[in-house]
Amino acid sequence: MKLSLYYAPTTCALVPYVNLTEAGADFDIHAINMRKGQNNSPEFLALNPQHKVPVLLIDGAPLTENVAINTWIARQYPDARLFPSAPMDEIRAISLMGWFGSGIHPHLARINSPAKFCDAPGSADSVRAQAAKALDENFAIADKRLAGREFFFDHYTAPDVYFYWCLRRATQFELPVKKFGHCMAHFERMEQRASVKNVLAFEKATLDRFAA
C-alpha cells in the first residue's frame, strides 16, 4: 500500500502527519505552498476540488477531511491504539474530532481570514470578536474535560493531536488561552511527543524552504 500525504505548514494537515507517524506508517509527504496558490493548481484540484489540505492518497485514491482521514489511520493501524478499544469510546473519539473540526476549527479560520466570512466594510473586527468569544467557550468546555487527565481518553488517541493543533493555532493568533490550565498542560504534554517534535521540525524546514 502506497500512502502520500499532501500537507501545508501551520495547517491542520499536521494532524494526520502526527498520527501517521504515531502509527509507524510508511508514507510520502508532498508539501504545498498555499501562499503561492499551489492548492489551486489543476494538479491539486484534481485531488481535492475544495483546494484544501490534508489529502491522503491511498494507492492513488484521495481521501479528504480530517475526521475521515484520521479514522482511516486509526482503523488501518490498530496496534498504534489511536482510538480507544471500547466501541462506544471509539465513537466518542470520532465525535471529539467532529467537534474540533466543526466547532472550533471554523472559528480559527474566521480569526485568520474574516473577509472570507463577511466582506462588508469595517466588519473584520466584529467577525474576529465573535469568533474569539466562541473559541473561549469551546476551550472552557475542553478545559473541564481535561481536568485530572493527561489525554482525552486513558492514553493518547487521534483526537488529542487535533485539539493540540486547534490550541496551537489559537496561540499563534495570540488569543488568551493561557487561562485554560488543563488545556495548556495537554498542549505542553503533546509537544514532548516524538511524533509532534518530528512534524514541527519538518514544518520549520518547509517554511524556511518556501521563504528562500
N, C-alpha and C. Protein backbone atom coordinates (compact mmCIF):
# COMPACT_ATOMS: atom_id res chain seq x y z
N MET A 1 0.84 -1.20 0.00
CA MET A 1 0.00 0.00 0.00
C MET A 1 0.88 1.25 0.00
N LYS A 2 0.59 2.16 -0.92
CA LYS A 2 1.37 3.40 -1.01
C LYS A 2 0.53 4.56 -0.47
N LEU A 3 1.13 5.30 0.47
CA LEU A 3 0.45 6.44 1.09
C LEU A 3 1.23 7.72 0.80
N SER A 4 0.50 8.76 0.43
CA SER A 4 1.09 10.08 0.21
C SER A 4 0.20 11.11 0.89
N LEU A 5 0.81 11.94 1.73
CA LEU A 5 0.07 12.98 2.45
C LEU A 5 0.40 14.34 1.85
N TYR A 6 -0.63 15.05 1.44
CA TYR A 6 -0.48 16.43 0.98
C TYR A 6 -0.68 17.35 2.18
N TYR A 7 0.32 18.15 2.41
CA TYR A 7 0.47 18.89 3.67
C TYR A 7 0.87 20.32 3.37
N ALA A 8 0.44 21.27 4.23
CA ALA A 8 0.93 22.64 4.16
C ALA A 8 1.28 23.10 5.57
N PRO A 9 2.35 23.86 5.74
CA PRO A 9 2.77 24.31 7.07
C PRO A 9 1.68 25.11 7.78
N THR A 10 1.61 24.93 9.08
CA THR A 10 0.70 25.57 10.04
C THR A 10 -0.74 25.11 9.90
N THR A 11 -1.07 24.37 8.85
CA THR A 11 -2.45 23.94 8.66
C THR A 11 -2.76 22.68 9.48
N CYS A 12 -4.04 22.30 9.45
CA CYS A 12 -4.47 21.11 10.18
C CYS A 12 -3.99 19.82 9.53
N ALA A 13 -3.23 19.91 8.43
CA ALA A 13 -2.59 18.72 7.88
C ALA A 13 -1.55 18.16 8.84
N LEU A 14 -1.19 18.96 9.84
CA LEU A 14 -0.33 18.46 10.91
C LEU A 14 -0.94 17.24 11.59
N VAL A 15 -2.27 17.21 11.67
CA VAL A 15 -2.96 16.15 12.44
C VAL A 15 -2.70 14.76 11.86
N PRO A 16 -3.01 14.49 10.58
CA PRO A 16 -2.69 13.16 10.06
C PRO A 16 -1.20 12.89 9.97
N TYR A 17 -0.39 13.94 9.79
CA TYR A 17 1.06 13.74 9.77
C TYR A 17 1.50 13.13 11.10
N VAL A 18 1.04 13.70 12.21
CA VAL A 18 1.40 13.16 13.52
C VAL A 18 0.85 11.75 13.70
N ASN A 19 -0.40 11.52 13.33
CA ASN A 19 -0.99 10.20 13.56
C ASN A 19 -0.38 9.12 12.66
N LEU A 20 -0.02 9.47 11.44
CA LEU A 20 0.70 8.51 10.61
C LEU A 20 2.05 8.17 11.22
N THR A 21 2.69 9.18 11.80
CA THR A 21 3.98 8.96 12.46
C THR A 21 3.80 8.09 13.70
N GLU A 22 2.78 8.38 14.47
CA GLU A 22 2.48 7.56 15.66
C GLU A 22 2.24 6.11 15.27
N ALA A 23 1.61 5.91 14.12
CA ALA A 23 1.28 4.55 13.67
C ALA A 23 2.47 3.82 13.07
N GLY A 24 3.57 4.54 12.83
CA GLY A 24 4.71 3.91 12.18
C GLY A 24 4.46 3.63 10.72
N ALA A 25 3.57 4.40 10.09
CA ALA A 25 3.22 4.17 8.69
C ALA A 25 4.36 4.62 7.77
N ASP A 26 4.45 3.97 6.64
CA ASP A 26 5.40 4.35 5.58
C ASP A 26 4.63 5.27 4.62
N PHE A 27 5.01 6.55 4.55
CA PHE A 27 4.27 7.48 3.71
C PHE A 27 5.18 8.57 3.17
N ASP A 28 4.78 9.12 2.04
CA ASP A 28 5.47 10.24 1.42
C ASP A 28 4.77 11.54 1.81
N ILE A 29 5.53 12.64 1.80
CA ILE A 29 4.97 13.96 2.08
C ILE A 29 5.10 14.83 0.84
N HIS A 30 4.01 15.47 0.46
CA HIS A 30 4.02 16.48 -0.59
C HIS A 30 3.67 17.81 0.06
N ALA A 31 4.65 18.67 0.22
CA ALA A 31 4.43 19.97 0.87
C ALA A 31 3.88 20.96 -0.14
N ILE A 32 2.76 21.58 0.21
CA ILE A 32 2.06 22.51 -0.66
C ILE A 32 2.29 23.93 -0.14
N ASN A 33 2.70 24.82 -1.02
CA ASN A 33 2.89 26.22 -0.67
C ASN A 33 1.59 26.96 -0.98
N MET A 34 0.73 27.11 0.04
CA MET A 34 -0.57 27.72 -0.18
C MET A 34 -0.46 29.22 -0.43
N ARG A 35 0.60 29.84 0.08
CA ARG A 35 0.77 31.28 -0.17
C ARG A 35 1.04 31.56 -1.64
N LYS A 36 1.60 30.58 -2.33
CA LYS A 36 1.83 30.73 -3.77
C LYS A 36 0.71 30.09 -4.59
N GLY A 37 -0.36 29.66 -3.90
CA GLY A 37 -1.53 29.16 -4.60
C GLY A 37 -1.41 27.77 -5.16
N GLN A 38 -0.45 26.98 -4.67
CA GLN A 38 -0.29 25.63 -5.20
C GLN A 38 -1.51 24.76 -4.95
N ASN A 39 -2.32 25.11 -3.94
CA ASN A 39 -3.54 24.36 -3.66
C ASN A 39 -4.64 24.66 -4.68
N ASN A 40 -4.42 25.66 -5.54
CA ASN A 40 -5.38 25.97 -6.60
C ASN A 40 -4.88 25.53 -7.97
N SER A 41 -3.79 24.79 -8.00
CA SER A 41 -3.27 24.31 -9.28
C SER A 41 -4.19 23.21 -9.82
N PRO A 42 -4.22 23.02 -11.14
CA PRO A 42 -5.05 21.95 -11.71
C PRO A 42 -4.71 20.58 -11.13
N GLU A 43 -3.42 20.37 -10.88
CA GLU A 43 -3.00 19.05 -10.36
C GLU A 43 -3.58 18.80 -8.98
N PHE A 44 -3.55 19.84 -8.12
CA PHE A 44 -4.08 19.64 -6.78
C PHE A 44 -5.60 19.59 -6.79
N LEU A 45 -6.24 20.43 -7.60
CA LEU A 45 -7.70 20.43 -7.65
C LEU A 45 -8.26 19.10 -8.15
N ALA A 46 -7.45 18.38 -8.92
CA ALA A 46 -7.88 17.05 -9.35
C ALA A 46 -7.97 16.08 -8.18
N LEU A 47 -7.17 16.36 -7.13
CA LEU A 47 -7.21 15.53 -5.93
C LEU A 47 -8.29 15.99 -4.97
N ASN A 48 -8.40 17.31 -4.81
CA ASN A 48 -9.40 17.88 -3.90
C ASN A 48 -9.93 19.18 -4.48
N PRO A 49 -11.11 19.15 -5.09
CA PRO A 49 -11.68 20.36 -5.68
C PRO A 49 -11.93 21.47 -4.66
N GLN A 50 -11.94 21.12 -3.37
CA GLN A 50 -12.14 22.13 -2.33
C GLN A 50 -10.85 22.89 -2.01
N HIS A 51 -9.77 22.57 -2.72
CA HIS A 51 -8.45 23.22 -2.61
C HIS A 51 -7.94 23.31 -1.18
N LYS A 52 -8.17 22.25 -0.40
CA LYS A 52 -7.73 22.23 0.99
C LYS A 52 -6.79 21.05 1.25
N VAL A 53 -5.97 21.21 2.25
CA VAL A 53 -5.23 20.09 2.83
C VAL A 53 -5.85 19.82 4.20
N PRO A 54 -5.66 18.60 4.70
CA PRO A 54 -4.89 17.48 4.16
C PRO A 54 -5.65 16.69 3.11
N VAL A 55 -4.85 16.03 2.26
CA VAL A 55 -5.33 14.98 1.38
C VAL A 55 -4.42 13.79 1.58
N LEU A 56 -5.00 12.64 1.79
CA LEU A 56 -4.22 11.40 1.90
C LEU A 56 -4.52 10.55 0.69
N LEU A 57 -3.48 10.30 -0.11
CA LEU A 57 -3.63 9.38 -1.23
C LEU A 57 -3.36 7.96 -0.75
N ILE A 58 -4.33 7.09 -0.95
CA ILE A 58 -4.21 5.68 -0.56
C ILE A 58 -4.21 4.86 -1.84
N ASP A 59 -3.03 4.38 -2.22
CA ASP A 59 -2.87 3.69 -3.52
C ASP A 59 -3.45 4.54 -4.65
N GLY A 60 -3.19 5.85 -4.58
CA GLY A 60 -3.59 6.75 -5.65
C GLY A 60 -4.98 7.34 -5.51
N ALA A 61 -5.78 6.84 -4.56
CA ALA A 61 -7.14 7.34 -4.38
C ALA A 61 -7.16 8.38 -3.26
N PRO A 62 -7.67 9.60 -3.51
CA PRO A 62 -7.63 10.63 -2.49
C PRO A 62 -8.71 10.48 -1.43
N LEU A 63 -8.30 10.70 -0.19
CA LEU A 63 -9.23 10.78 0.94
C LEU A 63 -9.03 12.15 1.57
N THR A 64 -10.13 12.88 1.79
CA THR A 64 -10.06 14.21 2.35
C THR A 64 -10.83 14.28 3.66
N GLU A 65 -10.65 15.39 4.37
CA GLU A 65 -11.31 15.71 5.64
C GLU A 65 -10.65 14.97 6.81
N ASN A 66 -10.27 15.75 7.80
CA ASN A 66 -9.51 15.20 8.92
C ASN A 66 -10.22 14.08 9.67
N VAL A 67 -11.51 14.22 9.89
CA VAL A 67 -12.22 13.17 10.63
C VAL A 67 -12.10 11.85 9.90
N ALA A 68 -12.34 11.86 8.59
CA ALA A 68 -12.27 10.63 7.80
C ALA A 68 -10.85 10.10 7.72
N ILE A 69 -9.89 10.98 7.45
CA ILE A 69 -8.50 10.55 7.29
C ILE A 69 -7.99 9.90 8.57
N ASN A 70 -8.22 10.56 9.70
CA ASN A 70 -7.67 10.03 10.95
C ASN A 70 -8.43 8.82 11.46
N THR A 71 -9.71 8.70 11.10
CA THR A 71 -10.44 7.47 11.40
C THR A 71 -9.86 6.32 10.59
N TRP A 72 -9.56 6.58 9.31
CA TRP A 72 -8.94 5.54 8.48
C TRP A 72 -7.60 5.12 9.06
N ILE A 73 -6.77 6.08 9.45
CA ILE A 73 -5.45 5.75 10.01
C ILE A 73 -5.60 4.90 11.25
N ALA A 74 -6.50 5.30 12.14
CA ALA A 74 -6.68 4.56 13.39
C ALA A 74 -7.13 3.12 13.14
N ARG A 75 -8.00 2.94 12.16
CA ARG A 75 -8.52 1.59 11.88
C ARG A 75 -7.54 0.77 11.06
N GLN A 76 -6.73 1.43 10.26
CA GLN A 76 -5.74 0.71 9.44
C GLN A 76 -4.56 0.22 10.28
N TYR A 77 -4.29 0.95 11.38
CA TYR A 77 -3.14 0.61 12.23
C TYR A 77 -3.62 0.42 13.68
N PRO A 78 -4.36 -0.63 13.93
CA PRO A 78 -4.95 -0.81 15.28
C PRO A 78 -3.91 -0.96 16.38
N ASP A 79 -2.73 -1.49 16.06
CA ASP A 79 -1.72 -1.67 17.09
C ASP A 79 -1.21 -0.34 17.65
N ALA A 80 -1.41 0.75 16.92
CA ALA A 80 -0.99 2.06 17.40
C ALA A 80 -1.94 2.61 18.45
N ARG A 81 -3.10 2.02 18.61
CA ARG A 81 -4.09 2.41 19.63
C ARG A 81 -4.47 3.89 19.49
N LEU A 82 -4.72 4.31 18.25
CA LEU A 82 -5.10 5.70 18.01
C LEU A 82 -6.57 5.95 18.33
N PHE A 83 -7.31 4.91 18.56
CA PHE A 83 -8.66 5.00 19.10
C PHE A 83 -8.73 4.19 20.38
N PRO A 84 -9.62 4.54 21.31
CA PRO A 84 -9.83 3.69 22.48
C PRO A 84 -10.35 2.33 22.04
N SER A 85 -10.16 1.32 22.86
CA SER A 85 -10.54 -0.04 22.47
C SER A 85 -12.04 -0.30 22.58
N ALA A 86 -12.73 0.33 23.51
CA ALA A 86 -14.16 0.10 23.67
C ALA A 86 -14.93 0.73 22.50
N PRO A 87 -15.86 -0.01 21.89
CA PRO A 87 -16.58 0.51 20.72
C PRO A 87 -17.24 1.87 20.95
N MET A 88 -17.87 2.06 22.11
CA MET A 88 -18.54 3.33 22.36
C MET A 88 -17.52 4.46 22.53
N ASP A 89 -16.38 4.13 23.12
CA ASP A 89 -15.33 5.15 23.25
C ASP A 89 -14.75 5.51 21.88
N GLU A 90 -14.69 4.52 20.97
CA GLU A 90 -14.25 4.84 19.62
C GLU A 90 -15.18 5.85 18.98
N ILE A 91 -16.48 5.66 19.15
CA ILE A 91 -17.46 6.61 18.61
C ILE A 91 -17.27 7.97 19.26
N ARG A 92 -17.00 7.99 20.56
CA ARG A 92 -16.77 9.26 21.25
C ARG A 92 -15.51 9.96 20.72
N ALA A 93 -14.50 9.18 20.38
CA ALA A 93 -13.28 9.76 19.81
C ALA A 93 -13.58 10.42 18.47
N ILE A 94 -14.40 9.77 17.64
CA ILE A 94 -14.79 10.36 16.36
C ILE A 94 -15.63 11.61 16.60
N SER A 95 -16.50 11.55 17.61
CA SER A 95 -17.30 12.72 17.97
C SER A 95 -16.42 13.89 18.38
N LEU A 96 -15.37 13.62 19.15
CA LEU A 96 -14.44 14.68 19.54
C LEU A 96 -13.80 15.32 18.31
N MET A 97 -13.35 14.50 17.38
CA MET A 97 -12.73 15.06 16.17
C MET A 97 -13.74 15.88 15.38
N GLY A 98 -15.00 15.43 15.38
CA GLY A 98 -16.04 16.21 14.72
C GLY A 98 -16.23 17.56 15.38
N TRP A 99 -16.18 17.57 16.72
CA TRP A 99 -16.30 18.84 17.46
C TRP A 99 -15.14 19.77 17.11
N PHE A 100 -13.93 19.23 17.14
CA PHE A 100 -12.77 20.07 16.83
C PHE A 100 -12.84 20.59 15.40
N GLY A 101 -13.31 19.73 14.49
CA GLY A 101 -13.36 20.11 13.08
C GLY A 101 -14.47 21.08 12.74
N SER A 102 -15.61 20.99 13.43
CA SER A 102 -16.75 21.84 13.07
C SER A 102 -17.09 22.88 14.13
N GLY A 103 -16.65 22.66 15.38
CA GLY A 103 -17.00 23.58 16.46
C GLY A 103 -15.88 24.52 16.87
N ILE A 104 -14.64 24.17 16.54
CA ILE A 104 -13.50 25.00 16.91
C ILE A 104 -12.77 25.52 15.68
N HIS A 105 -12.42 24.61 14.79
CA HIS A 105 -11.62 24.96 13.61
C HIS A 105 -12.21 26.13 12.80
N PRO A 106 -13.52 26.14 12.50
CA PRO A 106 -14.06 27.24 11.69
C PRO A 106 -13.89 28.61 12.34
N HIS A 107 -13.93 28.68 13.66
CA HIS A 107 -13.74 29.97 14.33
C HIS A 107 -12.29 30.43 14.22
N LEU A 108 -11.36 29.51 14.20
CA LEU A 108 -9.96 29.87 13.95
C LEU A 108 -9.80 30.43 12.55
N ALA A 109 -10.54 29.85 11.59
CA ALA A 109 -10.50 30.37 10.22
C ALA A 109 -11.04 31.79 10.16
N ARG A 110 -12.05 32.09 10.96
CA ARG A 110 -12.61 33.44 10.99
C ARG A 110 -11.62 34.45 11.58
N ILE A 111 -10.85 34.00 12.56
CA ILE A 111 -9.81 34.88 13.11
C ILE A 111 -8.76 35.18 12.05
N ASN A 112 -8.40 34.14 11.29
CA ASN A 112 -7.33 34.26 10.30
C ASN A 112 -7.76 35.06 9.08
N SER A 113 -8.98 34.81 8.60
CA SER A 113 -9.42 35.42 7.34
C SER A 113 -10.87 35.89 7.46
N PRO A 114 -11.13 36.95 8.22
CA PRO A 114 -12.51 37.38 8.43
C PRO A 114 -13.23 37.78 7.14
N ALA A 115 -12.50 38.28 6.16
CA ALA A 115 -13.14 38.73 4.92
C ALA A 115 -13.76 37.58 4.13
N LYS A 116 -13.29 36.35 4.37
CA LYS A 116 -13.88 35.20 3.68
C LYS A 116 -15.28 34.89 4.21
N PHE A 117 -15.60 35.44 5.37
CA PHE A 117 -16.89 35.15 6.00
C PHE A 117 -17.83 36.34 5.97
N CYS A 118 -17.27 37.55 5.92
CA CYS A 118 -18.07 38.77 5.78
C CYS A 118 -17.19 39.85 5.17
N ASP A 119 -17.55 40.30 3.98
CA ASP A 119 -16.72 41.29 3.29
C ASP A 119 -17.28 42.70 3.40
N ALA A 120 -18.23 42.91 4.29
CA ALA A 120 -18.76 44.26 4.49
C ALA A 120 -17.66 45.15 5.05
N PRO A 121 -17.57 46.38 4.58
CA PRO A 121 -16.51 47.27 5.08
C PRO A 121 -16.57 47.44 6.60
N GLY A 122 -15.41 47.32 7.23
CA GLY A 122 -15.33 47.51 8.67
C GLY A 122 -15.82 46.36 9.51
N SER A 123 -16.09 45.21 8.88
CA SER A 123 -16.67 44.08 9.62
C SER A 123 -15.63 43.16 10.25
N ALA A 124 -14.36 43.29 9.88
CA ALA A 124 -13.34 42.32 10.29
C ALA A 124 -13.23 42.21 11.81
N ASP A 125 -13.22 43.34 12.50
CA ASP A 125 -13.07 43.30 13.95
C ASP A 125 -14.25 42.59 14.61
N SER A 126 -15.45 42.81 14.08
CA SER A 126 -16.63 42.15 14.64
C SER A 126 -16.59 40.65 14.41
N VAL A 127 -16.20 40.24 13.20
CA VAL A 127 -16.09 38.81 12.89
C VAL A 127 -15.09 38.15 13.83
N ARG A 128 -13.94 38.78 14.01
CA ARG A 128 -12.91 38.23 14.88
C ARG A 128 -13.39 38.18 16.34
N ALA A 129 -14.10 39.21 16.77
CA ALA A 129 -14.57 39.25 18.16
C ALA A 129 -15.57 38.13 18.44
N GLN A 130 -16.48 37.90 17.51
CA GLN A 130 -17.46 36.83 17.69
C GLN A 130 -16.79 35.46 17.65
N ALA A 131 -15.80 35.31 16.78
CA ALA A 131 -15.06 34.05 16.71
C ALA A 131 -14.28 33.81 18.00
N ALA A 132 -13.66 34.86 18.52
CA ALA A 132 -12.88 34.73 19.76
C ALA A 132 -13.79 34.34 20.92
N LYS A 133 -15.00 34.90 20.95
CA LYS A 133 -15.96 34.55 22.01
C LYS A 133 -16.34 33.07 21.92
N ALA A 134 -16.61 32.60 20.70
CA ALA A 134 -16.97 31.19 20.52
C ALA A 134 -15.80 30.27 20.90
N LEU A 135 -14.59 30.67 20.54
CA LEU A 135 -13.42 29.87 20.88
C LEU A 135 -13.24 29.81 22.39
N ASP A 136 -13.44 30.92 23.06
CA ASP A 136 -13.32 30.96 24.51
C ASP A 136 -14.28 29.97 25.16
N GLU A 137 -15.50 29.92 24.66
CA GLU A 137 -16.50 28.99 25.21
C GLU A 137 -16.09 27.55 24.97
N ASN A 138 -15.59 27.27 23.77
CA ASN A 138 -15.20 25.89 23.45
C ASN A 138 -13.98 25.45 24.22
N PHE A 139 -13.00 26.32 24.37
CA PHE A 139 -11.81 25.95 25.15
C PHE A 139 -12.15 25.77 26.62
N ALA A 140 -13.12 26.50 27.12
CA ALA A 140 -13.56 26.30 28.51
C ALA A 140 -14.17 24.92 28.70
N ILE A 141 -14.95 24.47 27.71
CA ILE A 141 -15.53 23.12 27.77
C ILE A 141 -14.42 22.07 27.73
N ALA A 142 -13.47 22.25 26.82
CA ALA A 142 -12.35 21.30 26.72
C ALA A 142 -11.54 21.28 28.01
N ASP A 143 -11.37 22.44 28.62
CA ASP A 143 -10.58 22.53 29.85
C ASP A 143 -11.21 21.68 30.95
N LYS A 144 -12.52 21.69 31.04
CA LYS A 144 -13.21 20.86 32.04
C LYS A 144 -13.05 19.39 31.71
N ARG A 145 -13.10 19.03 30.43
CA ARG A 145 -12.96 17.63 30.04
C ARG A 145 -11.56 17.10 30.33
N LEU A 146 -10.58 17.98 30.30
CA LEU A 146 -9.20 17.55 30.51
C LEU A 146 -8.77 17.63 31.97
N ALA A 147 -9.63 18.10 32.84
CA ALA A 147 -9.28 18.22 34.25
C ALA A 147 -8.93 16.85 34.83
N GLY A 148 -7.75 16.74 35.41
CA GLY A 148 -7.31 15.49 36.03
C GLY A 148 -6.92 14.41 35.04
N ARG A 149 -6.76 14.77 33.76
CA ARG A 149 -6.44 13.78 32.74
C ARG A 149 -5.20 14.22 31.97
N GLU A 150 -4.45 13.24 31.47
CA GLU A 150 -3.33 13.56 30.59
C GLU A 150 -3.83 13.75 29.16
N PHE A 151 -4.80 12.93 28.75
CA PHE A 151 -5.34 12.98 27.40
C PHE A 151 -6.86 12.90 27.47
N PHE A 152 -7.52 12.97 26.33
CA PHE A 152 -8.98 12.92 26.36
C PHE A 152 -9.50 11.54 26.75
N PHE A 153 -8.71 10.49 26.50
CA PHE A 153 -9.05 9.15 26.97
C PHE A 153 -7.91 8.66 27.86
N ASP A 154 -7.85 7.38 28.12
CA ASP A 154 -6.87 6.86 29.08
C ASP A 154 -5.45 6.83 28.53
N HIS A 155 -5.29 7.08 27.25
CA HIS A 155 -3.97 7.15 26.62
C HIS A 155 -4.09 8.05 25.41
N TYR A 156 -2.98 8.39 24.79
CA TYR A 156 -3.00 9.21 23.59
C TYR A 156 -3.87 8.55 22.53
N THR A 157 -4.75 9.35 21.92
CA THR A 157 -5.55 8.89 20.78
C THR A 157 -5.56 9.96 19.70
N ALA A 158 -6.10 9.63 18.56
CA ALA A 158 -6.08 10.53 17.41
C ALA A 158 -6.66 11.92 17.71
N PRO A 159 -7.74 12.04 18.49
CA PRO A 159 -8.28 13.39 18.74
C PRO A 159 -7.31 14.31 19.47
N ASP A 160 -6.40 13.77 20.23
CA ASP A 160 -5.50 14.61 21.03
C ASP A 160 -4.71 15.57 20.15
N VAL A 161 -4.24 15.10 19.02
CA VAL A 161 -3.42 15.98 18.19
C VAL A 161 -4.28 16.98 17.42
N TYR A 162 -5.53 16.65 17.15
CA TYR A 162 -6.40 17.65 16.52
C TYR A 162 -6.65 18.80 17.49
N PHE A 163 -6.87 18.46 18.76
CA PHE A 163 -7.06 19.53 19.74
C PHE A 163 -5.77 20.32 19.92
N TYR A 164 -4.66 19.62 19.92
CA TYR A 164 -3.35 20.30 20.02
C TYR A 164 -3.21 21.32 18.90
N TRP A 165 -3.55 20.92 17.67
CA TRP A 165 -3.43 21.85 16.55
C TRP A 165 -4.34 23.07 16.76
N CYS A 166 -5.57 22.83 17.21
CA CYS A 166 -6.50 23.94 17.46
C CYS A 166 -5.92 24.92 18.48
N LEU A 167 -5.40 24.40 19.57
CA LEU A 167 -4.87 25.28 20.60
C LEU A 167 -3.60 25.98 20.10
N ARG A 168 -2.79 25.26 19.36
CA ARG A 168 -1.58 25.88 18.81
C ARG A 168 -1.94 27.04 17.88
N ARG A 169 -2.95 26.84 17.06
CA ARG A 169 -3.38 27.91 16.16
C ARG A 169 -3.88 29.11 16.96
N ALA A 170 -4.59 28.84 18.05
CA ALA A 170 -5.06 29.94 18.89
C ALA A 170 -3.90 30.72 19.49
N THR A 171 -2.84 30.03 19.89
CA THR A 171 -1.68 30.73 20.44
C THR A 171 -0.99 31.55 19.36
N GLN A 172 -0.99 31.05 18.12
CA GLN A 172 -0.38 31.79 17.02
C GLN A 172 -1.13 33.09 16.74
N PHE A 173 -2.43 33.10 17.05
CA PHE A 173 -3.24 34.31 16.89
C PHE A 173 -3.24 35.15 18.17
N GLU A 174 -2.45 34.73 19.15
CA GLU A 174 -2.31 35.45 20.42
C GLU A 174 -3.64 35.61 21.14
N LEU A 175 -4.47 34.57 21.07
CA LEU A 175 -5.72 34.57 21.82
C LEU A 175 -5.43 34.23 23.28
N PRO A 176 -6.25 34.68 24.22
CA PRO A 176 -5.97 34.48 25.65
C PRO A 176 -6.33 33.08 26.14
N VAL A 177 -5.53 32.10 25.73
CA VAL A 177 -5.83 30.71 26.08
C VAL A 177 -5.02 30.20 27.28
N LYS A 178 -4.05 30.98 27.74
CA LYS A 178 -3.22 30.51 28.84
C LYS A 178 -4.01 30.36 30.14
N LYS A 179 -5.16 30.99 30.22
CA LYS A 179 -6.01 30.85 31.41
C LYS A 179 -6.61 29.46 31.53
N PHE A 180 -6.59 28.69 30.44
CA PHE A 180 -7.12 27.33 30.45
C PHE A 180 -5.99 26.37 30.82
N GLY A 181 -5.79 26.20 32.10
CA GLY A 181 -4.63 25.47 32.60
C GLY A 181 -4.57 24.03 32.16
N HIS A 182 -5.71 23.34 32.14
CA HIS A 182 -5.70 21.92 31.74
C HIS A 182 -5.42 21.79 30.25
N CYS A 183 -5.95 22.71 29.45
CA CYS A 183 -5.65 22.71 28.01
C CYS A 183 -4.17 22.96 27.77
N MET A 184 -3.60 23.92 28.50
CA MET A 184 -2.20 24.24 28.30
C MET A 184 -1.29 23.10 28.75
N ALA A 185 -1.68 22.40 29.82
CA ALA A 185 -0.89 21.24 30.26
C ALA A 185 -0.92 20.16 29.19
N HIS A 186 -2.08 19.96 28.57
CA HIS A 186 -2.20 19.00 27.47
C HIS A 186 -1.32 19.44 26.31
N PHE A 187 -1.35 20.72 25.98
CA PHE A 187 -0.54 21.28 24.90
C PHE A 187 0.94 21.01 25.14
N GLU A 188 1.41 21.29 26.34
CA GLU A 188 2.83 21.08 26.67
C GLU A 188 3.18 19.60 26.64
N ARG A 189 2.26 18.77 27.08
CA ARG A 189 2.49 17.32 27.05
C ARG A 189 2.62 16.84 25.61
N MET A 190 1.76 17.37 24.74
CA MET A 190 1.81 16.97 23.34
C MET A 190 3.13 17.38 22.70
N GLU A 191 3.65 18.52 23.07
CA GLU A 191 4.89 18.99 22.44
C GLU A 191 6.10 18.18 22.87
N GLN A 192 5.94 17.32 23.85
CA GLN A 192 7.03 16.43 24.27
C GLN A 192 7.02 15.11 23.50
N ARG A 193 5.95 14.85 22.73
CA ARG A 193 5.88 13.60 21.98
C ARG A 193 6.83 13.65 20.79
N ALA A 194 7.51 12.54 20.55
CA ALA A 194 8.47 12.48 19.45
C ALA A 194 7.81 12.76 18.11
N SER A 195 6.58 12.28 17.93
CA SER A 195 5.88 12.48 16.66
C SER A 195 5.63 13.96 16.41
N VAL A 196 5.24 14.69 17.45
CA VAL A 196 4.97 16.12 17.30
C VAL A 196 6.27 16.88 17.03
N LYS A 197 7.32 16.55 17.77
CA LYS A 197 8.61 17.19 17.53
C LYS A 197 9.07 16.98 16.10
N ASN A 198 8.86 15.77 15.58
CA ASN A 198 9.24 15.44 14.21
C ASN A 198 8.51 16.33 13.21
N VAL A 199 7.20 16.48 13.40
CA VAL A 199 6.41 17.27 12.47
C VAL A 199 6.75 18.75 12.58
N LEU A 200 6.96 19.25 13.79
CA LEU A 200 7.30 20.67 13.95
C LEU A 200 8.65 20.99 13.30
N ALA A 201 9.58 20.05 13.38
CA ALA A 201 10.87 20.25 12.72
C ALA A 201 10.71 20.28 11.20
N PHE A 202 9.85 19.40 10.69
CA PHE A 202 9.58 19.39 9.25
C PHE A 202 8.88 20.69 8.84
N GLU A 203 7.96 21.15 9.66
CA GLU A 203 7.27 22.41 9.36
C GLU A 203 8.25 23.57 9.25
N LYS A 204 9.16 23.66 10.20
CA LYS A 204 10.14 24.75 10.18
C LYS A 204 11.01 24.68 8.93
N ALA A 205 11.48 23.48 8.61
CA ALA A 205 12.32 23.31 7.43
C ALA A 205 11.56 23.67 6.16
N THR A 206 10.28 23.31 6.11
CA THR A 206 9.46 23.60 4.94
C THR A 206 9.22 25.10 4.81
N LEU A 207 8.92 25.77 5.92
CA LEU A 207 8.72 27.22 5.89
C LEU A 207 10.00 27.93 5.44
N ASP A 208 11.14 27.46 5.94
CA ASP A 208 12.42 28.05 5.53
C ASP A 208 12.64 27.85 4.03
N ARG A 209 12.29 26.67 3.53
CA ARG A 209 12.48 26.39 2.11
C ARG A 209 11.55 27.25 1.26
N PHE A 210 10.31 27.43 1.71
CA PHE A 210 9.35 28.24 0.96
C PHE A 210 9.76 29.71 0.96
N ALA A 211 10.43 30.14 2.03
CA ALA A 211 10.84 31.55 2.13
C ALA A 211 12.11 31.86 1.34
N ALA A 212 12.85 30.83 0.99
CA ALA A 212 14.13 31.04 0.29
C ALA A 212 13.93 31.57 -1.13
